[in-house]
Amino acid sequence: MGFVAQPIAKLIEEFNKLPGIGPKSAQRLTHHLLRSSDEDARALAEAILTLKEQIKLCSICFNTTDCDPCRICQDKERDHSRICVVEKPSDILPLEHTGKYDGVYHVLHGTISPAQGIGPEALKIKELLARLQDGSVSEVIVATNPNVESETVAMYLQRIIKPLEIRVTRLARGLPFGAELEYADDLTLGQALENRREF
């Protein structure tokens, strides 16, 4: 891109690093920003900086939040005896959109992947076990993605939680194998939550 002005080439390169943004989309976004007002461009830049400066992890569930504990963990109306375990913070929003779940969450921040050298100790599993120690939790819903790595973490969780005499369920197989929670439609995800089953 030697013929393109350096600031344009740099922004295209940065947009291209984002998931789901290919070279053509990166170019379209860059040229859209060039045509935008200075105020709109400044608002986008400030929103990105604010995101990076103010978002942290909840000390209880490890969801991304701007307050600690997060709003879900603070909510007294929610059922704190049920914990839904997800792989990443972006998995919570689609579950919330179903309107079918009123419990709380726990974010693992990854999956077990021996091939990549990621074991259980790299995830927020010991923090989950700490939440289960006081006897107030009656059910753990394993809502990991339906793929091989996620299946490994689901089976591991089932094995270590079962001895605590806590009910361990997982989402029903309404979700296609290989799909990701954040891309599932509300109806499919809602049915998967309602039809969860014992391991």
N, C-alpha and C. Protein backbone atom coordinates (compact mmCIF):
# COMPACT_ATOMS: atom_id res chain seq x y z
N MET A 1 0.84 -1.21 0.00
CA MET A 1 0.00 0.00 0.00
C MET A 1 0.87 1.25 0.00
N GLY A 2 1.99 1.21 -0.75
CA GLY A 2 2.91 2.33 -0.78
C GLY A 2 2.30 3.59 -1.35
N PHE A 3 1.24 3.48 -2.17
CA PHE A 3 0.61 4.66 -2.78
C PHE A 3 -0.44 5.28 -1.88
N VAL A 4 -0.78 4.63 -0.75
CA VAL A 4 -1.80 5.13 0.17
C VAL A 4 -1.13 5.95 1.26
N ALA A 5 -1.75 7.07 1.64
CA ALA A 5 -1.22 7.90 2.73
C ALA A 5 -1.01 7.05 3.98
N GLN A 6 0.09 7.27 4.68
CA GLN A 6 0.46 6.44 5.83
C GLN A 6 -0.64 6.37 6.91
N PRO A 7 -1.27 7.49 7.30
CA PRO A 7 -2.33 7.39 8.33
C PRO A 7 -3.50 6.50 7.87
N ILE A 8 -3.84 6.54 6.58
CA ILE A 8 -4.91 5.71 6.06
C ILE A 8 -4.49 4.24 6.10
N ALA A 9 -3.29 3.96 5.63
CA ALA A 9 -2.78 2.58 5.62
C ALA A 9 -2.72 2.02 7.04
N LYS A 10 -2.29 2.85 7.99
CA LYS A 10 -2.17 2.40 9.39
C LYS A 10 -3.54 2.04 9.97
N LEU A 11 -4.56 2.88 9.71
CA LEU A 11 -5.89 2.61 10.25
C LEU A 11 -6.50 1.37 9.59
N ILE A 12 -6.30 1.22 8.30
CA ILE A 12 -6.78 0.01 7.60
C ILE A 12 -6.13 -1.22 8.23
N GLU A 13 -4.83 -1.14 8.48
CA GLU A 13 -4.11 -2.26 9.10
C GLU A 13 -4.68 -2.58 10.49
N GLU A 14 -4.99 -1.55 11.29
CA GLU A 14 -5.52 -1.77 12.64
C GLU A 14 -6.92 -2.36 12.59
N PHE A 15 -7.79 -1.85 11.71
CA PHE A 15 -9.14 -2.41 11.57
C PHE A 15 -9.08 -3.86 11.11
N ASN A 16 -8.13 -4.17 10.24
CA ASN A 16 -7.99 -5.52 9.70
C ASN A 16 -7.62 -6.55 10.78
N LYS A 17 -7.09 -6.08 11.91
CA LYS A 17 -6.74 -6.97 13.02
C LYS A 17 -7.98 -7.41 13.80
N LEU A 18 -9.09 -6.70 13.65
CA LEU A 18 -10.31 -7.02 14.40
C LEU A 18 -10.96 -8.28 13.85
N PRO A 19 -11.58 -9.09 14.72
CA PRO A 19 -12.23 -10.32 14.24
C PRO A 19 -13.40 -10.00 13.31
N GLY A 20 -13.47 -10.72 12.21
CA GLY A 20 -14.56 -10.53 11.27
C GLY A 20 -14.38 -9.37 10.31
N ILE A 21 -13.29 -8.65 10.43
CA ILE A 21 -13.02 -7.50 9.55
C ILE A 21 -11.90 -7.88 8.59
N GLY A 22 -12.26 -8.06 7.33
CA GLY A 22 -11.27 -8.35 6.29
C GLY A 22 -10.73 -7.07 5.71
N PRO A 23 -9.84 -7.19 4.71
CA PRO A 23 -9.23 -6.00 4.10
C PRO A 23 -10.24 -5.02 3.51
N LYS A 24 -11.27 -5.55 2.82
CA LYS A 24 -12.26 -4.65 2.20
C LYS A 24 -13.07 -3.91 3.25
N SER A 25 -13.50 -4.62 4.30
CA SER A 25 -14.25 -3.97 5.38
C SER A 25 -13.39 -2.94 6.09
N ALA A 26 -12.11 -3.25 6.28
CA ALA A 26 -11.19 -2.31 6.92
C ALA A 26 -11.07 -1.04 6.10
N GLN A 27 -11.01 -1.20 4.79
CA GLN A 27 -10.94 -0.02 3.91
C GLN A 27 -12.22 0.79 3.99
N ARG A 28 -13.38 0.11 3.98
CA ARG A 28 -14.67 0.82 4.05
C ARG A 28 -14.79 1.60 5.36
N LEU A 29 -14.41 0.97 6.47
CA LEU A 29 -14.49 1.66 7.76
C LEU A 29 -13.57 2.87 7.80
N THR A 30 -12.38 2.72 7.29
CA THR A 30 -11.42 3.82 7.27
C THR A 30 -11.94 4.99 6.44
N HIS A 31 -12.48 4.69 5.26
CA HIS A 31 -12.99 5.77 4.40
C HIS A 31 -14.27 6.38 4.96
N HIS A 32 -15.04 5.60 5.69
CA HIS A 32 -16.22 6.15 6.37
C HIS A 32 -15.76 7.17 7.42
N LEU A 33 -14.73 6.82 8.19
CA LEU A 33 -14.22 7.75 9.21
C LEU A 33 -13.62 9.00 8.58
N LEU A 34 -13.00 8.86 7.41
CA LEU A 34 -12.47 10.03 6.71
C LEU A 34 -13.57 11.02 6.35
N ARG A 35 -14.74 10.47 5.99
CA ARG A 35 -15.89 11.32 5.61
C ARG A 35 -16.66 11.84 6.83
N SER A 36 -16.45 11.22 7.99
CA SER A 36 -17.17 11.62 9.21
C SER A 36 -16.67 12.96 9.73
N SER A 37 -17.49 13.55 10.58
CA SER A 37 -17.08 14.81 11.20
C SER A 37 -15.97 14.55 12.22
N ASP A 38 -15.24 15.60 12.54
CA ASP A 38 -14.19 15.48 13.56
C ASP A 38 -14.79 15.03 14.89
N GLU A 39 -15.99 15.53 15.19
CA GLU A 39 -16.65 15.19 16.46
C GLU A 39 -16.96 13.68 16.52
N ASP A 40 -17.45 13.11 15.41
CA ASP A 40 -17.77 11.68 15.38
C ASP A 40 -16.50 10.84 15.54
N ALA A 41 -15.44 11.23 14.86
CA ALA A 41 -14.17 10.50 14.95
C ALA A 41 -13.61 10.59 16.37
N ARG A 42 -13.69 11.79 16.96
CA ARG A 42 -13.20 11.98 18.33
C ARG A 42 -14.04 11.16 19.32
N ALA A 43 -15.36 11.09 19.12
CA ALA A 43 -16.23 10.32 20.01
C ALA A 43 -15.88 8.84 19.95
N LEU A 44 -15.59 8.33 18.76
CA LEU A 44 -15.19 6.92 18.62
C LEU A 44 -13.87 6.66 19.34
N ALA A 45 -12.90 7.54 19.12
CA ALA A 45 -11.60 7.38 19.77
C ALA A 45 -11.73 7.43 21.29
N GLU A 46 -12.54 8.36 21.79
CA GLU A 46 -12.74 8.49 23.24
C GLU A 46 -13.46 7.27 23.80
N ALA A 47 -14.43 6.73 23.06
CA ALA A 47 -15.15 5.54 23.53
C ALA A 47 -14.20 4.35 23.65
N ILE A 48 -13.28 4.22 22.71
CA ILE A 48 -12.30 3.13 22.76
C ILE A 48 -11.37 3.31 23.96
N LEU A 49 -10.88 4.53 24.18
CA LEU A 49 -9.98 4.79 25.31
C LEU A 49 -10.70 4.58 26.65
N THR A 50 -11.94 5.04 26.74
CA THR A 50 -12.73 4.86 27.96
C THR A 50 -12.94 3.39 28.26
N LEU A 51 -13.23 2.62 27.22
CA LEU A 51 -13.39 1.18 27.37
C LEU A 51 -12.14 0.56 28.00
N LYS A 52 -10.99 0.89 27.46
CA LYS A 52 -9.74 0.31 27.94
C LYS A 52 -9.37 0.80 29.34
N GLU A 53 -9.75 2.04 29.68
CA GLU A 53 -9.37 2.62 30.97
C GLU A 53 -10.32 2.21 32.10
N GLN A 54 -11.62 2.04 31.80
CA GLN A 54 -12.60 1.88 32.87
C GLN A 54 -13.13 0.46 33.06
N ILE A 55 -12.96 -0.40 32.08
CA ILE A 55 -13.49 -1.76 32.21
C ILE A 55 -12.49 -2.65 32.93
N LYS A 56 -13.01 -3.39 33.91
CA LYS A 56 -12.19 -4.32 34.69
C LYS A 56 -12.99 -5.61 34.86
N LEU A 57 -12.43 -6.57 35.58
CA LEU A 57 -13.13 -7.83 35.83
C LEU A 57 -13.80 -7.78 37.19
N CYS A 58 -15.02 -8.29 37.26
CA CYS A 58 -15.74 -8.42 38.52
C CYS A 58 -14.94 -9.37 39.42
N SER A 59 -14.79 -9.03 40.68
CA SER A 59 -14.00 -9.86 41.60
C SER A 59 -14.74 -11.13 42.01
N ILE A 60 -16.04 -11.23 41.67
CA ILE A 60 -16.82 -12.43 42.01
C ILE A 60 -16.95 -13.36 40.82
N CYS A 61 -17.49 -12.84 39.70
CA CYS A 61 -17.81 -13.71 38.55
C CYS A 61 -16.82 -13.58 37.40
N PHE A 62 -15.97 -12.55 37.42
CA PHE A 62 -14.96 -12.31 36.39
C PHE A 62 -15.53 -11.87 35.05
N ASN A 63 -16.77 -11.33 35.08
CA ASN A 63 -17.33 -10.69 33.89
C ASN A 63 -16.68 -9.32 33.76
N THR A 64 -16.69 -8.76 32.57
CA THR A 64 -16.19 -7.40 32.38
C THR A 64 -17.23 -6.43 32.93
N THR A 65 -16.75 -5.37 33.60
CA THR A 65 -17.65 -4.45 34.28
C THR A 65 -16.97 -3.10 34.49
N ASP A 66 -17.79 -2.10 34.78
CA ASP A 66 -17.24 -0.80 35.14
C ASP A 66 -17.41 -0.55 36.64
N CYS A 67 -18.00 -1.52 37.36
CA CYS A 67 -18.13 -1.44 38.82
C CYS A 67 -17.84 -2.82 39.41
N ASP A 68 -17.42 -2.84 40.67
CA ASP A 68 -17.07 -4.13 41.29
C ASP A 68 -17.71 -4.22 42.67
N PRO A 69 -18.52 -5.25 42.91
CA PRO A 69 -18.92 -6.30 41.98
C PRO A 69 -19.80 -5.77 40.85
N CYS A 70 -19.93 -6.60 39.80
CA CYS A 70 -20.72 -6.19 38.63
C CYS A 70 -22.20 -6.08 39.00
N ARG A 71 -22.99 -5.50 38.13
CA ARG A 71 -24.41 -5.29 38.39
C ARG A 71 -25.18 -6.60 38.57
N ILE A 72 -24.78 -7.65 37.85
CA ILE A 72 -25.47 -8.94 38.00
C ILE A 72 -25.19 -9.52 39.38
N CYS A 73 -23.94 -9.50 39.82
CA CYS A 73 -23.59 -10.04 41.14
C CYS A 73 -24.22 -9.22 42.27
N GLN A 74 -24.42 -7.92 42.06
CA GLN A 74 -25.03 -7.05 43.06
C GLN A 74 -26.54 -7.24 43.16
N ASP A 75 -27.16 -7.76 42.11
CA ASP A 75 -28.62 -7.80 42.00
C ASP A 75 -29.22 -8.82 42.97
N LYS A 76 -29.93 -8.33 44.00
CA LYS A 76 -30.55 -9.19 45.02
C LYS A 76 -31.76 -9.95 44.47
N GLU A 77 -32.30 -9.51 43.33
CA GLU A 77 -33.46 -10.17 42.73
C GLU A 77 -33.06 -11.45 41.97
N ARG A 78 -31.79 -11.59 41.68
CA ARG A 78 -31.34 -12.77 40.93
C ARG A 78 -31.17 -13.95 41.87
N ASP A 79 -31.24 -15.15 41.30
CA ASP A 79 -31.10 -16.39 42.06
C ASP A 79 -29.61 -16.72 42.19
N HIS A 80 -29.03 -16.42 43.33
CA HIS A 80 -27.60 -16.64 43.55
C HIS A 80 -27.27 -18.09 43.88
N SER A 81 -28.29 -18.95 43.91
CA SER A 81 -28.03 -20.38 44.15
C SER A 81 -27.73 -21.12 42.85
N ARG A 82 -27.87 -20.43 41.71
CA ARG A 82 -27.55 -21.02 40.41
C ARG A 82 -26.46 -20.20 39.74
N ILE A 83 -25.40 -20.89 39.33
CA ILE A 83 -24.29 -20.23 38.63
C ILE A 83 -24.18 -20.84 37.24
N CYS A 84 -24.23 -19.98 36.23
CA CYS A 84 -24.04 -20.40 34.84
C CYS A 84 -22.60 -20.10 34.46
N VAL A 85 -21.87 -21.15 34.10
CA VAL A 85 -20.45 -21.02 33.77
C VAL A 85 -20.29 -20.86 32.26
N VAL A 86 -19.62 -19.78 31.85
CA VAL A 86 -19.37 -19.51 30.44
C VAL A 86 -17.88 -19.35 30.20
N GLU A 87 -17.48 -19.42 28.94
CA GLU A 87 -16.06 -19.32 28.59
C GLU A 87 -15.55 -17.89 28.58
N LYS A 88 -16.36 -16.96 28.08
CA LYS A 88 -15.89 -15.59 27.92
C LYS A 88 -17.02 -14.60 28.21
N PRO A 89 -16.68 -13.36 28.57
CA PRO A 89 -17.71 -12.38 28.91
C PRO A 89 -18.77 -12.19 27.81
N SER A 90 -18.37 -12.28 26.55
CA SER A 90 -19.34 -12.06 25.46
C SER A 90 -20.40 -13.15 25.39
N ASP A 91 -20.23 -14.27 26.12
CA ASP A 91 -21.25 -15.32 26.14
C ASP A 91 -22.42 -14.97 27.05
N ILE A 92 -22.26 -14.01 27.95
CA ILE A 92 -23.32 -13.67 28.90
C ILE A 92 -24.48 -12.93 28.22
N LEU A 93 -24.16 -11.98 27.36
CA LEU A 93 -25.20 -11.16 26.73
C LEU A 93 -26.25 -11.97 25.99
N PRO A 94 -25.88 -12.94 25.15
CA PRO A 94 -26.94 -13.71 24.48
C PRO A 94 -27.78 -14.53 25.46
N LEU A 95 -27.19 -15.02 26.55
CA LEU A 95 -27.97 -15.74 27.55
C LEU A 95 -28.95 -14.79 28.24
N GLU A 96 -28.52 -13.59 28.52
CA GLU A 96 -29.40 -12.58 29.13
C GLU A 96 -30.54 -12.20 28.19
N HIS A 97 -30.25 -12.13 26.90
CA HIS A 97 -31.28 -11.76 25.92
C HIS A 97 -32.42 -12.76 25.84
N THR A 98 -32.18 -14.01 26.25
CA THR A 98 -33.25 -15.00 26.19
C THR A 98 -34.36 -14.69 27.18
N GLY A 99 -34.03 -14.00 28.26
CA GLY A 99 -35.01 -13.73 29.31
C GLY A 99 -35.39 -14.97 30.10
N LYS A 100 -34.67 -16.07 29.93
CA LYS A 100 -35.01 -17.35 30.56
C LYS A 100 -34.15 -17.66 31.78
N TYR A 101 -33.16 -16.84 32.07
CA TYR A 101 -32.23 -17.16 33.15
C TYR A 101 -32.14 -15.98 34.12
N ASP A 102 -32.33 -16.29 35.40
CA ASP A 102 -32.28 -15.23 36.42
C ASP A 102 -31.23 -15.51 37.49
N GLY A 103 -30.31 -16.44 37.21
CA GLY A 103 -29.22 -16.73 38.15
C GLY A 103 -28.05 -15.81 37.91
N VAL A 104 -26.88 -16.22 38.41
CA VAL A 104 -25.66 -15.44 38.25
C VAL A 104 -24.69 -16.22 37.35
N TYR A 105 -23.53 -15.66 37.10
CA TYR A 105 -22.59 -16.23 36.14
C TYR A 105 -21.21 -16.43 36.75
N HIS A 106 -20.39 -17.19 36.02
CA HIS A 106 -18.97 -17.29 36.31
C HIS A 106 -18.26 -17.43 34.95
N VAL A 107 -17.28 -16.56 34.69
CA VAL A 107 -16.57 -16.55 33.42
C VAL A 107 -15.21 -17.22 33.60
N LEU A 108 -14.96 -18.25 32.81
CA LEU A 108 -13.71 -19.01 32.90
C LEU A 108 -12.53 -18.31 32.23
N HIS A 109 -12.80 -17.51 31.22
CA HIS A 109 -11.77 -16.84 30.42
C HIS A 109 -10.91 -17.84 29.65
N GLY A 110 -11.59 -18.77 28.96
CA GLY A 110 -10.89 -19.70 28.08
C GLY A 110 -11.39 -21.12 28.22
N THR A 111 -10.68 -22.02 27.56
CA THR A 111 -10.98 -23.44 27.62
C THR A 111 -9.68 -24.21 27.83
N ILE A 112 -9.83 -25.47 28.22
CA ILE A 112 -8.67 -26.33 28.38
C ILE A 112 -8.23 -26.78 26.99
N SER A 113 -6.96 -26.59 26.68
CA SER A 113 -6.43 -26.99 25.38
C SER A 113 -5.00 -27.50 25.55
N PRO A 114 -4.85 -28.81 25.82
CA PRO A 114 -3.51 -29.36 26.01
C PRO A 114 -2.58 -29.08 24.82
N ALA A 115 -3.12 -29.07 23.61
CA ALA A 115 -2.30 -28.83 22.42
C ALA A 115 -1.65 -27.45 22.46
N GLN A 116 -2.35 -26.48 23.09
CA GLN A 116 -1.81 -25.12 23.19
C GLN A 116 -1.18 -24.86 24.56
N GLY A 117 -1.08 -25.91 25.36
CA GLY A 117 -0.48 -25.78 26.68
C GLY A 117 -1.35 -25.07 27.69
N ILE A 118 -2.67 -25.07 27.48
CA ILE A 118 -3.60 -24.41 28.41
C ILE A 118 -4.28 -25.47 29.26
N GLY A 119 -3.94 -25.49 30.54
CA GLY A 119 -4.54 -26.43 31.47
C GLY A 119 -5.57 -25.75 32.34
N PRO A 120 -6.21 -26.50 33.23
CA PRO A 120 -7.25 -25.95 34.11
C PRO A 120 -6.77 -24.79 34.97
N GLU A 121 -5.49 -24.81 35.34
CA GLU A 121 -4.95 -23.76 36.22
C GLU A 121 -4.92 -22.39 35.54
N ALA A 122 -4.99 -22.35 34.20
CA ALA A 122 -4.98 -21.08 33.47
C ALA A 122 -6.36 -20.42 33.45
N LEU A 123 -7.40 -21.17 33.83
CA LEU A 123 -8.77 -20.66 33.82
C LEU A 123 -9.20 -20.25 35.22
N LYS A 124 -10.36 -19.63 35.35
CA LYS A 124 -10.88 -19.17 36.64
C LYS A 124 -11.67 -20.30 37.32
N ILE A 125 -11.07 -21.50 37.36
CA ILE A 125 -11.75 -22.66 37.93
C ILE A 125 -11.61 -22.70 39.44
N LYS A 126 -10.44 -22.39 39.97
CA LYS A 126 -10.30 -22.42 41.44
C LYS A 126 -11.17 -21.33 42.07
N GLU A 127 -11.38 -20.23 41.36
CA GLU A 127 -12.27 -19.17 41.85
C GLU A 127 -13.72 -19.66 41.86
N LEU A 128 -14.09 -20.45 40.86
CA LEU A 128 -15.43 -21.04 40.82
C LEU A 128 -15.60 -21.98 42.01
N LEU A 129 -14.64 -22.85 42.25
CA LEU A 129 -14.72 -23.79 43.37
C LEU A 129 -14.83 -23.05 44.70
N ALA A 130 -14.15 -21.93 44.83
CA ALA A 130 -14.24 -21.13 46.06
C ALA A 130 -15.67 -20.62 46.26
N ARG A 131 -16.36 -20.28 45.18
CA ARG A 131 -17.75 -19.80 45.28
C ARG A 131 -18.71 -20.91 45.72
N LEU A 132 -18.30 -22.16 45.51
CA LEU A 132 -19.18 -23.29 45.80
C LEU A 132 -19.00 -23.81 47.24
N GLN A 133 -18.05 -23.30 47.97
CA GLN A 133 -17.69 -23.87 49.27
C GLN A 133 -18.70 -23.60 50.38
N ASP A 134 -19.46 -22.50 50.32
CA ASP A 134 -20.33 -22.16 51.46
C ASP A 134 -21.67 -22.89 51.45
N GLY A 135 -21.93 -23.72 50.44
CA GLY A 135 -23.16 -24.50 50.41
C GLY A 135 -24.39 -23.76 49.93
N SER A 136 -24.23 -22.52 49.47
CA SER A 136 -25.39 -21.74 49.04
C SER A 136 -25.76 -22.01 47.58
N VAL A 137 -24.88 -22.66 46.82
CA VAL A 137 -25.14 -22.93 45.40
C VAL A 137 -25.73 -24.33 45.25
N SER A 138 -26.88 -24.41 44.57
CA SER A 138 -27.54 -25.70 44.38
C SER A 138 -27.36 -26.26 42.97
N GLU A 139 -27.02 -25.38 42.01
CA GLU A 139 -26.86 -25.84 40.62
C GLU A 139 -25.78 -25.04 39.91
N VAL A 140 -24.95 -25.75 39.16
CA VAL A 140 -23.99 -25.13 38.26
C VAL A 140 -24.39 -25.54 36.85
N ILE A 141 -24.68 -24.55 36.01
CA ILE A 141 -25.05 -24.79 34.61
C ILE A 141 -23.80 -24.56 33.76
N VAL A 142 -23.33 -25.59 33.10
CA VAL A 142 -22.15 -25.46 32.25
C VAL A 142 -22.62 -25.05 30.86
N ALA A 143 -22.33 -23.82 30.51
CA ALA A 143 -22.78 -23.26 29.23
C ALA A 143 -21.59 -22.97 28.34
N THR A 144 -20.74 -23.97 28.18
CA THR A 144 -19.59 -23.83 27.30
C THR A 144 -20.03 -24.08 25.86
N ASN A 145 -19.22 -23.64 24.92
CA ASN A 145 -19.54 -23.79 23.51
C ASN A 145 -19.47 -25.26 23.10
N PRO A 146 -20.28 -25.67 22.12
CA PRO A 146 -20.28 -27.07 21.69
C PRO A 146 -19.16 -27.38 20.69
N ASN A 147 -17.93 -27.51 21.22
CA ASN A 147 -16.79 -27.92 20.39
C ASN A 147 -15.86 -28.77 21.26
N VAL A 148 -14.81 -29.30 20.69
CA VAL A 148 -13.95 -30.27 21.38
C VAL A 148 -13.29 -29.67 22.62
N GLU A 149 -12.69 -28.49 22.51
CA GLU A 149 -12.01 -27.87 23.65
C GLU A 149 -12.99 -27.58 24.77
N SER A 150 -14.17 -27.07 24.41
CA SER A 150 -15.18 -26.74 25.41
C SER A 150 -15.74 -27.98 26.07
N GLU A 151 -15.84 -29.06 25.30
CA GLU A 151 -16.30 -30.33 25.86
C GLU A 151 -15.32 -30.82 26.91
N THR A 152 -14.03 -30.61 26.68
CA THR A 152 -13.00 -31.00 27.64
C THR A 152 -13.19 -30.25 28.96
N VAL A 153 -13.39 -28.94 28.89
CA VAL A 153 -13.58 -28.16 30.12
C VAL A 153 -14.90 -28.53 30.80
N ALA A 154 -15.94 -28.81 30.03
CA ALA A 154 -17.23 -29.19 30.60
C ALA A 154 -17.10 -30.49 31.39
N MET A 155 -16.44 -31.47 30.82
CA MET A 155 -16.26 -32.76 31.50
C MET A 155 -15.38 -32.60 32.74
N TYR A 156 -14.38 -31.75 32.66
CA TYR A 156 -13.51 -31.49 33.82
C TYR A 156 -14.32 -30.86 34.95
N LEU A 157 -15.14 -29.86 34.62
CA LEU A 157 -15.97 -29.21 35.64
C LEU A 157 -16.94 -30.19 36.28
N GLN A 158 -17.56 -31.02 35.45
CA GLN A 158 -18.51 -32.00 35.97
C GLN A 158 -17.81 -32.93 36.96
N ARG A 159 -16.60 -33.35 36.63
CA ARG A 159 -15.85 -34.28 37.48
C ARG A 159 -15.47 -33.65 38.82
N ILE A 160 -15.09 -32.38 38.83
CA ILE A 160 -14.64 -31.78 40.09
C ILE A 160 -15.79 -31.20 40.93
N ILE A 161 -16.93 -30.90 40.31
CA ILE A 161 -18.05 -30.32 41.05
C ILE A 161 -18.97 -31.40 41.62
N LYS A 162 -19.15 -32.49 40.90
CA LYS A 162 -20.06 -33.57 41.31
C LYS A 162 -19.83 -34.03 42.75
N PRO A 163 -18.57 -34.24 43.20
CA PRO A 163 -18.34 -34.67 44.58
C PRO A 163 -18.85 -33.67 45.63
N LEU A 164 -19.06 -32.41 45.25
CA LEU A 164 -19.56 -31.41 46.19
C LEU A 164 -21.07 -31.53 46.39
N GLU A 165 -21.69 -32.51 45.71
CA GLU A 165 -23.13 -32.76 45.78
C GLU A 165 -23.93 -31.53 45.34
N ILE A 166 -23.44 -30.90 44.30
CA ILE A 166 -24.13 -29.79 43.65
C ILE A 166 -24.59 -30.29 42.30
N ARG A 167 -25.83 -29.99 41.94
CA ARG A 167 -26.36 -30.41 40.65
C ARG A 167 -25.58 -29.73 39.54
N VAL A 168 -25.10 -30.52 38.59
CA VAL A 168 -24.35 -29.99 37.45
C VAL A 168 -25.16 -30.30 36.19
N THR A 169 -25.57 -29.24 35.48
CA THR A 169 -26.33 -29.40 34.24
C THR A 169 -25.56 -28.71 33.12
N ARG A 170 -26.00 -28.98 31.92
CA ARG A 170 -25.43 -28.24 30.79
C ARG A 170 -26.51 -27.91 29.80
N LEU A 171 -26.23 -26.97 28.92
CA LEU A 171 -27.21 -26.57 27.93
C LEU A 171 -27.60 -27.76 27.08
N ALA A 172 -28.88 -27.83 26.73
CA ALA A 172 -29.36 -28.89 25.85
C ALA A 172 -28.72 -28.73 24.48
N ARG A 173 -28.73 -29.77 23.71
CA ARG A 173 -28.06 -29.74 22.41
C ARG A 173 -28.91 -29.08 21.33
N GLY A 174 -29.59 -28.02 21.68
CA GLY A 174 -30.27 -27.23 20.66
C GLY A 174 -29.26 -26.41 19.88
N LEU A 175 -28.06 -26.28 20.43
CA LEU A 175 -27.01 -25.54 19.76
C LEU A 175 -26.22 -26.47 18.86
N PRO A 176 -25.99 -26.10 17.63
CA PRO A 176 -25.23 -26.98 16.73
C PRO A 176 -23.78 -27.10 17.17
N PHE A 177 -23.22 -28.29 17.01
CA PHE A 177 -21.83 -28.52 17.38
C PHE A 177 -20.92 -27.61 16.56
N GLY A 178 -19.98 -26.98 17.22
CA GLY A 178 -19.06 -26.07 16.54
C GLY A 178 -19.52 -24.62 16.55
N ALA A 179 -20.78 -24.36 17.01
CA ALA A 179 -21.29 -22.98 17.04
C ALA A 179 -20.78 -22.27 18.28
N GLU A 180 -20.83 -20.94 18.26
CA GLU A 180 -20.42 -20.14 19.41
C GLU A 180 -21.65 -19.48 20.00
N LEU A 181 -21.70 -19.39 21.34
CA LEU A 181 -22.86 -18.83 22.03
C LEU A 181 -23.19 -17.41 21.57
N GLU A 182 -22.17 -16.59 21.38
CA GLU A 182 -22.45 -15.20 21.07
C GLU A 182 -23.12 -15.01 19.71
N TYR A 183 -23.12 -16.06 18.86
CA TYR A 183 -23.76 -15.95 17.55
C TYR A 183 -25.08 -16.71 17.48
N ALA A 184 -25.50 -17.36 18.57
CA ALA A 184 -26.76 -18.12 18.57
C ALA A 184 -27.93 -17.16 18.65
N ASP A 185 -29.05 -17.53 18.00
CA ASP A 185 -30.24 -16.69 18.08
C ASP A 185 -30.93 -16.90 19.43
N ASP A 186 -31.75 -15.93 19.84
CA ASP A 186 -32.39 -15.94 21.15
C ASP A 186 -33.25 -17.17 21.38
N LEU A 187 -34.02 -17.59 20.38
CA LEU A 187 -34.92 -18.74 20.53
C LEU A 187 -34.14 -20.03 20.77
N THR A 188 -33.14 -20.29 19.94
CA THR A 188 -32.32 -21.50 20.10
C THR A 188 -31.64 -21.52 21.45
N LEU A 189 -31.08 -20.38 21.84
CA LEU A 189 -30.38 -20.30 23.12
C LEU A 189 -31.35 -20.44 24.29
N GLY A 190 -32.53 -19.83 24.17
CA GLY A 190 -33.55 -19.95 25.21
C GLY A 190 -33.99 -21.38 25.40
N GLN A 191 -34.20 -22.11 24.31
CA GLN A 191 -34.60 -23.51 24.39
C GLN A 191 -33.48 -24.35 24.99
N ALA A 192 -32.24 -24.05 24.63
CA ALA A 192 -31.11 -24.80 25.17
C ALA A 192 -31.01 -24.60 26.69
N LEU A 193 -31.29 -23.36 27.15
CA LEU A 193 -31.28 -23.11 28.59
C LEU A 193 -32.41 -23.86 29.29
N GLU A 194 -33.62 -23.80 28.74
CA GLU A 194 -34.77 -24.44 29.36
C GLU A 194 -34.63 -25.96 29.39
N ASN A 195 -34.00 -26.53 28.38
CA ASN A 195 -33.89 -27.98 28.27
C ASN A 195 -32.53 -28.50 28.70
N ARG A 196 -31.85 -27.75 29.57
CA ARG A 196 -30.55 -28.24 30.05
C ARG A 196 -30.77 -29.56 30.78
N ARG A 197 -29.71 -30.36 30.84
CA ARG A 197 -29.83 -31.71 31.39
C ARG A 197 -28.68 -32.03 32.32
N GLU A 198 -28.87 -33.06 33.11
CA GLU A 198 -27.80 -33.55 33.98
C GLU A 198 -26.66 -34.08 33.12
N PHE A 199 -25.43 -34.05 33.61
CA PHE A 199 -24.32 -34.68 32.91
C PHE A 199 -24.55 -36.16 32.86
